[in-house]
PDB file of N, CA and C in Angstrom:
ATOM      1  N   MET A   1       0.842  -1.180   0.000  1.00  0.00           N
ATOM      2  CA  MET A   1       0.000   0.000   0.000  1.00  0.00           C
ATOM      3  C   MET A   1       0.887   1.242   0.000  1.00  0.00           C
ATOM      4  N   ARG A   2       0.564   2.195  -0.819  1.00  0.00           N
ATOM      5  CA  ARG A   2       1.333   3.433  -0.940  1.00  0.00           C
ATOM      6  C   ARG A   2       0.626   4.557  -0.202  1.00  0.00           C
ATOM      7  N   SER A   3       1.443   5.437   0.381  1.00  0.00           N
ATOM      8  CA  SER A   3       0.891   6.629   1.020  1.00  0.00           C
ATOM      9  C   SER A   3       0.591   7.677  -0.036  1.00  0.00           C
ATOM     10  N   ALA A   4      -0.389   8.475   0.249  1.00  0.00           N
ATOM     11  CA  ALA A   4      -0.717   9.577  -0.652  1.00  0.00           C
ATOM     12  C   ALA A   4       0.380  10.636  -0.554  1.00  0.00           C
ATOM     13  N   PRO A   5       0.623  11.370  -1.626  1.00  0.00           N
ATOM     14  CA  PRO A   5       1.625  12.444  -1.555  1.00  0.00           C
ATOM     15  C   PRO A   5       1.182  13.499  -0.538  1.00  0.00           C
ATOM     16  N   PRO A   6       2.148  14.200   0.049  1.00  0.00           N
ATOM     17  CA  PRO A   6       1.766  15.226   1.009  1.00  0.00           C
ATOM     18  C   PRO A   6       0.846  16.261   0.380  1.00  0.00           C
ATOM     19  N   GLY A   7      -0.093  16.752   1.155  1.00  0.00           N
ATOM     20  CA  GLY A   7      -1.036  17.745   0.662  1.00  0.00           C
ATOM     21  C   GLY A   7      -0.442  19.145   0.727  1.00  0.00           C
ATOM     22  N   LYS A   8      -1.230  20.071   0.284  1.00  0.00           N
ATOM     23  CA  LYS A   8      -0.825  21.469   0.311  1.00  0.00           C
ATOM     24  C   LYS A   8      -0.767  21.939   1.764  1.00  0.00           C
ATOM     25  N   GLY A   9       0.207  22.760   2.083  1.00  0.00           N
ATOM     26  CA  GLY A   9       0.350  23.278   3.435  1.00  0.00           C
ATOM     27  C   GLY A   9      -0.878  24.050   3.871  1.00  0.00           C
ATOM     28  N   ILE A  10      -1.162  24.005   5.163  1.00  0.00           N
ATOM     29  CA  ILE A  10      -2.334  24.699   5.694  1.00  0.00           C
ATOM     30  C   ILE A  10      -2.155  26.204   5.591  1.00  0.00           C
ATOM     31  N   SER A  11      -0.964  26.687   5.916  1.00  0.00           N
ATOM     32  CA  SER A  11      -0.716  28.121   5.880  1.00  0.00           C
ATOM     33  C   SER A  11       0.499  28.403   5.016  1.00  0.00           C
ATOM     34  N   GLU A  12       0.288  29.095   3.918  1.00  0.00           N
ATOM     35  CA  GLU A  12       1.393  29.425   3.035  1.00  0.00           C
ATOM     36  C   GLU A  12       2.170  30.628   3.533  1.00  0.00           C
ATOM     37  N   VAL A  13       1.511  31.488   4.303  1.00  0.00           N
ATOM     38  CA  VAL A  13       2.164  32.672   4.840  1.00  0.00           C
ATOM     39  C   VAL A  13       1.696  32.856   6.281  1.00  0.00           C
ATOM     40  N   GLU A  14       2.635  33.244   7.145  1.00  0.00           N
ATOM     41  CA  GLU A  14       2.316  33.387   8.559  1.00  0.00           C
ATOM     42  C   GLU A  14       3.175  34.478   9.175  1.00  0.00           C
ATOM     43  N   VAL A  15       2.591  35.312  10.010  1.00  0.00           N
ATOM     44  CA  VAL A  15       3.357  36.278  10.798  1.00  0.00           C
ATOM     45  C   VAL A  15       3.910  35.502  11.977  1.00  0.00           C
ATOM     46  N   THR A  16       5.235  35.462  12.105  1.00  0.00           N
ATOM     47  CA  THR A  16       5.848  34.650  13.154  1.00  0.00           C
ATOM     48  C   THR A  16       6.304  35.449  14.359  1.00  0.00           C
ATOM     49  N   ASN A  17       6.525  36.745  14.196  1.00  0.00           N
ATOM     50  CA  ASN A  17       6.991  37.565  15.312  1.00  0.00           C
ATOM     51  C   ASN A  17       6.728  39.032  14.987  1.00  0.00           C
ATOM     52  N   VAL A  18       6.457  39.814  16.024  1.00  0.00           N
ATOM     53  CA  VAL A  18       6.244  41.244  15.872  1.00  0.00           C
ATOM     54  C   VAL A  18       7.079  41.949  16.926  1.00  0.00           C
ATOM     55  N   SER A  19       7.792  42.991  16.524  1.00  0.00           N
ATOM     56  CA  SER A  19       8.557  43.804  17.470  1.00  0.00           C
ATOM     57  C   SER A  19       8.198  45.265  17.235  1.00  0.00           C
ATOM     58  N   ARG A  20       8.788  46.154  18.009  1.00  0.00           N
ATOM     59  CA  ARG A  20       8.500  47.574  17.799  1.00  0.00           C
ATOM     60  C   ARG A  20       9.122  48.097  16.513  1.00  0.00           C
ATOM     61  N   HIS A  21       9.988  47.313  15.879  1.00  0.00           N
ATOM     62  CA  HIS A  21      10.663  47.723  14.644  1.00  0.00           C
ATOM     63  C   HIS A  21       9.985  47.192  13.384  1.00  0.00           C
ATOM     64  N   GLY A  22       9.191  46.135  13.511  1.00  0.00           N
ATOM     65  CA  GLY A  22       8.553  45.527  12.354  1.00  0.00           C
ATOM     66  C   GLY A  22       8.054  44.133  12.679  1.00  0.00           C
ATOM     67  N   PHE A  23       7.863  43.330  11.644  1.00  0.00           N
ATOM     68  CA  PHE A  23       7.392  41.963  11.871  1.00  0.00           C
ATOM     69  C   PHE A  23       7.994  41.009  10.845  1.00  0.00           C
ATOM     70  N   TRP A  24       7.981  39.732  11.211  1.00  0.00           N
ATOM     71  CA  TRP A  24       8.550  38.683  10.371  1.00  0.00           C
ATOM     72  C   TRP A  24       7.433  37.864   9.761  1.00  0.00           C
ATOM     73  N   LEU A  25       7.596  37.546   8.494  1.00  0.00           N
ATOM     74  CA  LEU A  25       6.667  36.698   7.757  1.00  0.00           C
ATOM     75  C   LEU A  25       7.373  35.414   7.356  1.00  0.00           C
ATOM     76  N   LEU A  26       6.722  34.312   7.580  1.00  0.00           N
ATOM     77  CA  LEU A  26       7.212  33.025   7.083  1.00  0.00           C
ATOM     78  C   LEU A  26       6.404  32.719   5.833  1.00  0.00           C
ATOM     79  N   ILE A  27       7.091  32.708   4.707  1.00  0.00           N
ATOM     80  CA  ILE A  27       6.450  32.433   3.422  1.00  0.00           C
ATOM     81  C   ILE A  27       7.059  31.149   2.892  1.00  0.00           C
ATOM     82  N   GLN A  28       6.270  30.088   2.963  1.00  0.00           N
ATOM     83  CA  GLN A  28       6.727  28.745   2.633  1.00  0.00           C
ATOM     84  C   GLN A  28       7.959  28.438   3.483  1.00  0.00           C
ATOM     85  N   GLU A  29       9.155  28.403   2.939  1.00  0.00           N
ATOM     86  CA  GLU A  29      10.339  28.081   3.733  1.00  0.00           C
ATOM     87  C   GLU A  29      11.249  29.289   3.942  1.00  0.00           C
ATOM     88  N   ARG A  30      10.779  30.480   3.593  1.00  0.00           N
ATOM     89  CA  ARG A  30      11.580  31.698   3.733  1.00  0.00           C
ATOM     90  C   ARG A  30      10.993  32.578   4.824  1.00  0.00           C
ATOM     91  N   GLU A  31      11.868  33.300   5.508  1.00  0.00           N
ATOM     92  CA  GLU A  31      11.400  34.254   6.493  1.00  0.00           C
ATOM     93  C   GLU A  31      11.863  35.649   6.076  1.00  0.00           C
ATOM     94  N   LEU A  32      10.923  36.586   6.033  1.00  0.00           N
ATOM     95  CA  LEU A  32      11.212  37.961   5.636  1.00  0.00           C
ATOM     96  C   LEU A  32      10.853  38.908   6.765  1.00  0.00           C
ATOM     97  N   PHE A  33      11.633  39.982   6.915  1.00  0.00           N
ATOM     98  CA  PHE A  33      11.348  41.012   7.902  1.00  0.00           C
ATOM     99  C   PHE A  33      10.794  42.238   7.194  1.00  0.00           C
ATOM    100  N   LEU A  34       9.664  42.746   7.667  1.00  0.00           N
ATOM    101  CA  LEU A  34       9.072  43.968   7.129  1.00  0.00           C
ATOM    102  C   LEU A  34       9.196  45.050   8.191  1.00  0.00           C
ATOM    103  N   SER A  35      10.013  46.018   7.913  1.00  0.00           N
ATOM    104  CA  SER A  35      10.269  47.126   8.830  1.00  0.00           C
ATOM    105  C   SER A  35       9.108  48.111   8.803  1.00  0.00           C
ATOM    106  N   PHE A  36       8.721  48.609   9.982  1.00  0.00           N
ATOM    107  CA  PHE A  36       7.677  49.634  10.035  1.00  0.00           C
ATOM    108  C   PHE A  36       8.160  50.935   9.403  1.00  0.00           C
ATOM    109  N   ASP A  37       9.465  51.154   9.350  1.00  0.00           N
ATOM    110  CA  ASP A  37       9.990  52.343   8.679  1.00  0.00           C
ATOM    111  C   ASP A  37       9.725  52.298   7.181  1.00  0.00           C
ATOM    112  N   LYS A  38       9.874  51.116   6.589  1.00  0.00           N
ATOM    113  CA  LYS A  38       9.665  50.971   5.149  1.00  0.00           C
ATOM    114  C   LYS A  38       8.210  50.664   4.794  1.00  0.00           C
ATOM    115  N   PHE A  39       7.473  50.093   5.731  1.00  0.00           N
ATOM    116  CA  PHE A  39       6.076  49.720   5.509  1.00  0.00           C
ATOM    117  C   PHE A  39       5.220  50.289   6.639  1.00  0.00           C
ATOM    118  N   PRO A  40       5.095  51.627   6.702  1.00  0.00           N
ATOM    119  CA  PRO A  40       4.451  52.274   7.855  1.00  0.00           C
ATOM    120  C   PRO A  40       2.963  52.003   8.016  1.00  0.00           C
ATOM    121  N   TRP A  41       2.283  51.566   6.981  1.00  0.00           N
ATOM    122  CA  TRP A  41       0.849  51.323   7.093  1.00  0.00           C
ATOM    123  C   TRP A  41       0.543  50.153   8.021  1.00  0.00           C
ATOM    124  N   PHE A  42       1.545  49.363   8.404  1.00  0.00           N
ATOM    125  CA  PHE A  42       1.342  48.259   9.354  1.00  0.00           C
ATOM    126  C   PHE A  42       1.589  48.670  10.801  1.00  0.00           C
ATOM    127  N   ARG A  43       2.205  49.809  11.042  1.00  0.00           N
ATOM    128  CA  ARG A  43       2.671  50.210  12.376  1.00  0.00           C
ATOM    129  C   ARG A  43       1.574  50.202  13.441  1.00  0.00           C
ATOM    130  N   ASP A  44       0.427  50.762  13.168  1.00  0.00           N
ATOM    131  CA  ASP A  44      -0.624  50.911  14.175  1.00  0.00           C
ATOM    132  C   ASP A  44      -1.780  49.931  14.007  1.00  0.00           C
ATOM    133  N   VAL A  45      -1.559  48.881  13.249  1.00  0.00           N
ATOM    134  CA  VAL A  45      -2.599  47.896  12.988  1.00  0.00           C
ATOM    135  C   VAL A  45      -2.712  46.942  14.178  1.00  0.00           C
ATOM    136  N   PRO A  46      -3.926  46.662  14.658  1.00  0.00           N
ATOM    137  CA  PRO A  46      -4.088  45.674  15.726  1.00  0.00           C
ATOM    138  C   PRO A  46      -3.531  44.319  15.295  1.00  0.00           C
ATOM    139  N   ILE A  47      -2.973  43.590  16.235  1.00  0.00           N
ATOM    140  CA  ILE A  47      -2.302  42.316  15.932  1.00  0.00           C
ATOM    141  C   ILE A  47      -3.230  41.340  15.202  1.00  0.00           C
ATOM    142  N   GLY A  48      -4.498  41.319  15.556  1.00  0.00           N
ATOM    143  CA  GLY A  48      -5.447  40.412  14.902  1.00  0.00           C
ATOM    144  C   GLY A  48      -5.578  40.682  13.415  1.00  0.00           C
ATOM    145  N   GLN A  49      -5.461  41.944  13.013  1.00  0.00           N
ATOM    146  CA  GLN A  49      -5.536  42.302  11.602  1.00  0.00           C
ATOM    147  C   GLN A  49      -4.195  42.078  10.907  1.00  0.00           C
ATOM    148  N   LEU A  50      -3.102  42.272  11.642  1.00  0.00           N
ATOM    149  CA  LEU A  50      -1.770  42.083  11.062  1.00  0.00           C
ATOM    150  C   LEU A  50      -1.515  40.618  10.715  1.00  0.00           C
ATOM    151  N   ILE A  51      -1.962  39.720  11.580  1.00  0.00           N
ATOM    152  CA  ILE A  51      -1.676  38.300  11.347  1.00  0.00           C
ATOM    153  C   ILE A  51      -2.622  37.663  10.329  1.00  0.00           C
ATOM    154  N   ARG A  52      -3.676  38.360   9.962  1.00  0.00           N
ATOM    155  CA  ARG A  52      -4.601  37.831   8.944  1.00  0.00           C
ATOM    156  C   ARG A  52      -4.117  38.249   7.565  1.00  0.00           C
ATOM    157  N   VAL A  53      -3.193  37.476   7.059  1.00  0.00           N
ATOM    158  CA  VAL A  53      -2.576  37.754   5.767  1.00  0.00           C
ATOM    159  C   VAL A  53      -2.834  36.579   4.829  1.00  0.00           C
ATOM    160  N   GLU A  54      -3.111  36.894   3.591  1.00  0.00           N
ATOM    161  CA  GLU A  54      -3.381  35.880   2.571  1.00  0.00           C
ATOM    162  C   GLU A  54      -2.324  35.958   1.475  1.00  0.00           C
ATOM    163  N   GLN A  55      -2.154  34.858   0.777  1.00  0.00           N
ATOM    164  CA  GLN A  55      -1.224  34.824  -0.343  1.00  0.00           C
ATOM    165  C   GLN A  55      -1.972  34.314  -1.575  1.00  0.00           C
ATOM    166  N   PRO A  56      -2.681  35.223  -2.265  1.00  0.00           N
ATOM    167  CA  PRO A  56      -3.460  34.796  -3.434  1.00  0.00           C
ATOM    168  C   PRO A  56      -2.602  34.326  -4.600  1.00  0.00           C
ATOM    169  N   HIS A  57      -1.331  34.699  -4.598  1.00  0.00           N
ATOM    170  CA  HIS A  57      -0.381  34.319  -5.643  1.00  0.00           C
ATOM    171  C   HIS A  57       0.990  34.209  -4.967  1.00  0.00           C
ATOM    172  N   PRO A  58       1.890  33.348  -5.434  1.00  0.00           N
ATOM    173  CA  PRO A  58       3.192  33.207  -4.787  1.00  0.00           C
ATOM    174  C   PRO A  58       3.983  34.512  -4.636  1.00  0.00           C
ATOM    175  N   SER A  59       3.714  35.486  -5.484  1.00  0.00           N
ATOM    176  CA  SER A  59       4.463  36.739  -5.391  1.00  0.00           C
ATOM    177  C   SER A  59       3.636  37.893  -4.822  1.00  0.00           C
ATOM    178  N   HIS A  60       2.471  37.581  -4.253  1.00  0.00           N
ATOM    179  CA  HIS A  60       1.540  38.617  -3.827  1.00  0.00           C
ATOM    180  C   HIS A  60       0.975  38.301  -2.443  1.00  0.00           C
ATOM    181  N   LEU A  61       1.018  39.289  -1.546  1.00  0.00           N
ATOM    182  CA  LEU A  61       0.431  39.158  -0.214  1.00  0.00           C
ATOM    183  C   LEU A  61      -0.706  40.161  -0.084  1.00  0.00           C
ATOM    184  N   TYR A  62      -1.704  39.792   0.716  1.00  0.00           N
ATOM    185  CA  TYR A  62      -2.858  40.669   0.891  1.00  0.00           C
ATOM    186  C   TYR A  62      -3.373  40.588   2.325  1.00  0.00           C
ATOM    187  N   TRP A  63      -3.569  41.769   2.937  1.00  0.00           N
ATOM    188  CA  TRP A  63      -4.149  41.884   4.268  1.00  0.00           C
ATOM    189  C   TRP A  63      -5.571  42.422   4.077  1.00  0.00           C
ATOM    190  N   PRO A  64      -6.599  41.554   4.090  1.00  0.00           N
ATOM    191  CA  PRO A  64      -7.965  41.980   3.775  1.00  0.00           C
ATOM    192  C   PRO A  64      -8.562  42.968   4.779  1.00  0.00           C
ATOM    193  N   ASP A  65      -8.207  42.869   6.050  1.00  0.00           N
ATOM    194  CA  ASP A  65      -8.795  43.753   7.053  1.00  0.00           C
ATOM    195  C   ASP A  65      -8.361  45.209   6.895  1.00  0.00           C
ATOM    196  N   ILE A  66      -7.176  45.416   6.327  1.00  0.00           N
ATOM    197  CA  ILE A  66      -6.673  46.788   6.159  1.00  0.00           C
ATOM    198  C   ILE A  66      -6.492  47.147   4.688  1.00  0.00           C
ATOM    199  N   ASP A  67      -6.885  46.225   3.798  1.00  0.00           N
ATOM    200  CA  ASP A  67      -6.842  46.429   2.353  1.00  0.00           C
ATOM    201  C   ASP A  67      -5.454  46.858   1.873  1.00  0.00           C
ATOM    202  N   VAL A  68      -4.441  46.075   2.269  1.00  0.00           N
ATOM    203  CA  VAL A  68      -3.063  46.331   1.837  1.00  0.00           C
ATOM    204  C   VAL A  68      -2.604  45.178   0.956  1.00  0.00           C
ATOM    205  N   ASP A  69      -2.116  45.519  -0.222  1.00  0.00           N
ATOM    206  CA  ASP A  69      -1.505  44.567  -1.153  1.00  0.00           C
ATOM    207  C   ASP A  69      -0.010  44.802  -1.141  1.00  0.00           C
ATOM    208  N   LEU A  70       0.759  43.730  -1.218  1.00  0.00           N
ATOM    209  CA  LEU A  70       2.205  43.872  -1.195  1.00  0.00           C
ATOM    210  C   LEU A  70       2.843  42.814  -2.084  1.00  0.00           C
ATOM    211  N   ALA A  71       3.721  43.240  -2.948  1.00  0.00           N
ATOM    212  CA  ALA A  71       4.503  42.295  -3.744  1.00  0.00           C
ATOM    213  C   ALA A  71       5.623  41.760  -2.859  1.00  0.00           C
ATOM    214  N   VAL A  72       5.781  40.459  -2.790  1.00  0.00           N
ATOM    215  CA  VAL A  72       6.844  39.853  -1.984  1.00  0.00           C
ATOM    216  C   VAL A  72       8.193  40.423  -2.405  1.00  0.00           C
ATOM    217  N   GLU A  73       8.337  40.632  -3.679  1.00  0.00           N
ATOM    218  CA  GLU A  73       9.587  41.149  -4.244  1.00  0.00           C
ATOM    219  C   GLU A  73       9.952  42.531  -3.699  1.00  0.00           C
ATOM    220  N   SER A  74       8.963  43.316  -3.270  1.00  0.00           N
ATOM    221  CA  SER A  74       9.254  44.660  -2.765  1.00  0.00           C
ATOM    222  C   SER A  74      10.083  44.626  -1.489  1.00  0.00           C
ATOM    223  N   ASN A  75      10.011  43.548  -0.744  1.00  0.00           N
ATOM    224  CA  ASN A  75      10.837  43.407   0.446  1.00  0.00           C
ATOM    225  C   ASN A  75      12.145  42.690   0.127  1.00  0.00           C
ATOM    226  N   GLU A  76      12.096  41.736  -0.782  1.00  0.00           N
ATOM    227  CA  GLU A  76      13.300  40.987  -1.133  1.00  0.00           C
ATOM    228  C   GLU A  76      14.276  41.820  -1.962  1.00  0.00           C
ATOM    229  N   PHE A  77      13.741  42.656  -2.853  1.00  0.00           N
ATOM    230  CA  PHE A  77      14.561  43.468  -3.746  1.00  0.00           C
ATOM    231  C   PHE A  77      14.088  44.919  -3.726  1.00  0.00           C
ATOM    232  N   PRO A  78      14.307  45.636  -2.609  1.00  0.00           N
ATOM    233  CA  PRO A  78      13.785  47.007  -2.497  1.00  0.00           C
ATOM    234  C   PRO A  78      14.337  47.959  -3.556  1.00  0.00           C
ATOM    235  N   GLU A  79      15.499  47.641  -4.124  1.00  0.00           N
ATOM    236  CA  GLU A  79      16.059  48.511  -5.164  1.00  0.00           C
ATOM    237  C   GLU A  79      15.188  48.543  -6.417  1.00  0.00           C
ATOM    238  N   HIS A  80      14.331  47.532  -6.604  1.00  0.00           N
ATOM    239  CA  HIS A  80      13.404  47.511  -7.734  1.00  0.00           C
ATOM    240  C   HIS A  80      12.156  48.345  -7.468  1.00  0.00           C
ATOM    241  N   PHE A  81      11.984  48.755  -6.208  1.00  0.00           N
ATOM    242  CA  PHE A  81      10.800  49.521  -5.797  1.00  0.00           C
ATOM    243  C   PHE A  81      11.264  50.773  -5.048  1.00  0.00           C
ATOM    244  N   PRO A  82      11.753  51.784  -5.772  1.00  0.00           N
ATOM    245  CA  PRO A  82      12.358  52.945  -5.113  1.00  0.00           C
ATOM    246  C   PRO A  82      11.377  53.841  -4.364  1.00  0.00           C
ATOM    247  N   LEU A  83      10.094  53.771  -4.665  1.00  0.00           N
ATOM    248  CA  LEU A  83       9.136  54.612  -3.969  1.00  0.00           C
ATOM    249  C   LEU A  83       8.842  54.035  -2.596  1.00  0.00           C
ATOM    250  N   VAL A  84       8.888  54.873  -1.589  1.00  0.00           N
ATOM    251  CA  VAL A  84       8.610  54.465  -0.218  1.00  0.00           C
ATOM    252  C   VAL A  84       7.376  55.212   0.239  1.00  0.00           C
ATOM    253  N   SER A  85       6.548  54.544   1.008  1.00  0.00           N
ATOM    254  CA  SER A  85       5.313  55.172   1.460  1.00  0.00           C
ATOM    255  C   SER A  85       5.595  56.386   2.330  1.00  0.00           C
ATOM    256  N   ASN A  86       4.787  57.420   2.137  1.00  0.00           N
ATOM    257  CA  ASN A  86       4.837  58.597   2.989  1.00  0.00           C
ATOM    258  C   ASN A  86       3.661  58.598   3.952  1.00  0.00           C
ATOM    259  N   ALA A  87       3.021  57.436   4.130  1.00  0.00           N
ATOM    260  CA  ALA A  87       1.867  57.343   5.022  1.00  0.00           C
ATOM    261  C   ALA A  87       2.282  57.717   6.431  1.00  0.00           C
ATOM    262  N   ARG A  88       1.408  58.431   7.092  1.00  0.00           N
ATOM    263  CA  ARG A  88       1.671  58.833   8.469  1.00  0.00           C
ATOM    264  C   ARG A  88       0.791  58.001   9.387  1.00  0.00           C
ATOM    265  N   PRO A  89       1.240  57.777  10.623  1.00  0.00           N
ATOM    266  CA  PRO A  89       0.420  57.022  11.563  1.00  0.00           C
ATOM    267  C   PRO A  89      -0.927  57.706  11.786  1.00  0.00           C
ATOM    268  N   ASN A  90      -1.913  56.934  12.141  1.00  0.00           N
ATOM    269  CA  ASN A  90      -3.245  57.438  12.418  1.00  0.00           C
ATOM    270  C   ASN A  90      -3.184  58.403  13.595  1.00  0.00           C
ATOM    271  N   LYS A  91      -3.655  59.635  13.412  1.00  0.00           N
ATOM    272  CA  LYS A  91      -3.584  60.661  14.454  1.00  0.00           C
ATOM    273  C   LYS A  91      -4.328  60.263  15.711  1.00  0.00           C
ATOM    274  N   THR A  92      -5.416  59.520  15.579  1.00  0.00           N
ATOM    275  CA  THR A  92      -6.183  59.146  16.762  1.00  0.00           C
ATOM    276  C   THR A  92      -5.449  58.129  17.620  1.00  0.00           C
ATOM    277  N   LEU A  93      -4.466  57.450  17.040  1.00  0.00           N
ATOM    278  CA  LEU A  93      -3.707  56.460  17.792  1.00  0.00           C
ATOM    279  C   LEU A  93      -2.427  57.029  18.390  1.00  0.00           C
ATOM    280  N   GLN A  94      -2.073  58.262  18.026  1.00  0.00           N
ATOM    281  CA  GLN A  94      -0.860  58.862  18.560  1.00  0.00           C
ATOM    282  C   GLN A  94      -1.056  59.195  20.024  1.00  0.00           C
ATOM    283  N   ARG A  95       0.000  59.068  20.805  1.00  0.00           N
ATOM    284  CA  ARG A  95      -0.058  59.405  22.219  1.00  0.00           C
ATOM    285  C   ARG A  95      -0.190  60.906  22.385  1.00  0.00           C
ATOM    286  N   LYS A  96      -0.997  61.272  23.344  1.00  0.00           N
ATOM    287  CA  LYS A  96      -1.106  62.684  23.681  1.00  0.00           C
ATOM    288  C   LYS A  96      -0.083  62.962  24.777  1.00  0.00           C
ATOM    289  N   ARG A  97       0.448  64.150  24.773  1.00  0.00           N
ATOM    290  CA  ARG A  97       1.376  64.508  25.828  1.00  0.00           C
ATOM    291  C   ARG A  97       0.770  65.628  26.657  1.00  0.00           C
ATOM    292  N   THR A  98       1.151  65.662  27.905  1.00  0.00           N
ATOM    293  CA  THR A  98       0.621  66.660  28.817  1.00  0.00           C
ATOM    294  C   THR A  98       1.611  67.804  28.930  1.00  0.00           C
ATOM    295  N   THR A  99       1.098  69.027  28.842  1.00  0.00           N
ATOM    296  CA  THR A  99       1.949  70.208  28.968  1.00  0.00           C
ATOM    297  C   THR A  99       2.104  70.564  30.444  1.00  0.00           C
ATOM    298  N   ARG A 100       2.943  71.530  30.729  1.00  0.00           N
ATOM    299  CA  ARG A 100       3.189  71.934  32.113  1.00  0.00           C
ATOM    300  C   ARG A 100       1.931  72.402  32.834  1.00  0.00           C
ATOM    301  N   ASP A 101       1.022  73.014  32.098  1.00  0.00           N
ATOM    302  CA  ASP A 101      -0.189  73.525  32.746  1.00  0.00           C
ATOM    303  C   ASP A 101      -1.292  72.469  32.845  1.00  0.00           C
ATOM    304  N   GLY A 102      -0.987  71.222  32.451  1.00  0.00           N
ATOM    305  CA  GLY A 102      -1.940  70.131  32.611  1.00  0.00           C
ATOM    306  C   GLY A 102      -2.837  69.872  31.426  1.00  0.00           C
ATOM    307  N   THR A 103      -2.736  70.678  30.370  1.00  0.00           N
ATOM    308  CA  THR A 103      -3.540  70.422  29.174  1.00  0.00           C
ATOM    309  C   THR A 103      -2.873  69.338  28.349  1.00  0.00           C
ATOM    310  N   THR A 104      -3.652  68.693  27.508  1.00  0.00           N
ATOM    311  CA  THR A 104      -3.088  67.647  26.646  1.00  0.00           C
ATOM    312  C   THR A 104      -3.064  68.139  25.220  1.00  0.00           C
ATOM    313  N   MET A 105      -2.121  67.597  24.455  1.00  0.00           N
ATOM    314  CA  MET A 105      -2.019  67.985  23.055  1.00  0.00           C
ATOM    315  C   MET A 105      -1.338  66.890  22.261  1.00  0.00           C
ATOM    316  N   ASN A 106      -1.694  66.808  20.987  1.00  0.00           N
ATOM    317  CA  ASN A 106      -0.992  65.940  20.051  1.00  0.00           C
ATOM    318  C   ASN A 106       0.201  66.723  19.539  1.00  0.00           C
ATOM    319  N   LYS A 107       1.099  66.066  18.860  1.00  0.00           N
ATOM    320  CA  LYS A 107       2.270  66.738  18.308  1.00  0.00           C
ATOM    321  C   LYS A 107       1.889  67.900  17.395  1.00  0.00           C
ATOM    322  N   ARG A 108       0.815  67.757  16.624  1.00  0.00           N
ATOM    323  CA  ARG A 108       0.454  68.761  15.638  1.00  0.00           C
ATOM    324  C   ARG A 108      -0.513  69.807  16.167  1.00  0.00           C
ATOM    325  N   SER A 109      -1.101  69.568  17.323  1.00  0.00           N
ATOM    326  CA  SER A 109      -2.042  70.554  17.848  1.00  0.00           C
ATOM    327  C   SER A 109      -1.355  71.411  18.901  1.00  0.00           C
ATOM    328  N   ARG A 110      -1.954  72.540  19.196  1.00  0.00           N
ATOM    329  CA  ARG A 110      -1.395  73.435  20.200  1.00  0.00           C
ATOM    330  C   ARG A 110      -2.256  73.362  21.450  1.00  0.00           C
ATOM    331  N   ALA A 111      -1.607  73.500  22.593  1.00  0.00           N
ATOM    332  CA  ALA A 111      -2.343  73.465  23.853  1.00  0.00           C
ATOM    333  C   ALA A 111      -3.242  74.692  23.971  1.00  0.00           C
ATOM    334  N   HIS A 112      -4.392  74.489  24.587  1.00  0.00           N
ATOM    335  CA  HIS A 112      -5.311  75.601  24.819  1.00  0.00           C
ATOM    336  C   HIS A 112      -5.065  76.153  26.208  1.00  0.00           C
ATOM    337  N   ASN A 113      -5.014  77.474  26.353  1.00  0.00           N
ATOM    338  CA  ASN A 113      -4.792  78.102  27.651  1.00  0.00           C
ATOM    339  C   ASN A 113      -6.085  78.345  28.381  1.00  0.00           C
TER     340      ASN A 113
END
């Protein structure tokens, strides 16, 4: 009796680790690091949305919850993709700081007297 050939893997792409600098993706047998500096649209994403990544094509990744498409090649060969996102973090997620007089303000707003 012969065994059936191994089936397709359950997960073709997986987020394996997240740090304050970025996150690691395991794609089949390769591990890639995506820096938040180079891919800022992932910086403030809740972990549940970050780990929900699909691979509709071997060279294409998609995060459906945040509607982000990414070519795998853009991380492997950044010299082929010279444009870098100028996306800024979500203002509502930025920390507010307290001024000396006790008022709070975001970096871009001014304290009210």
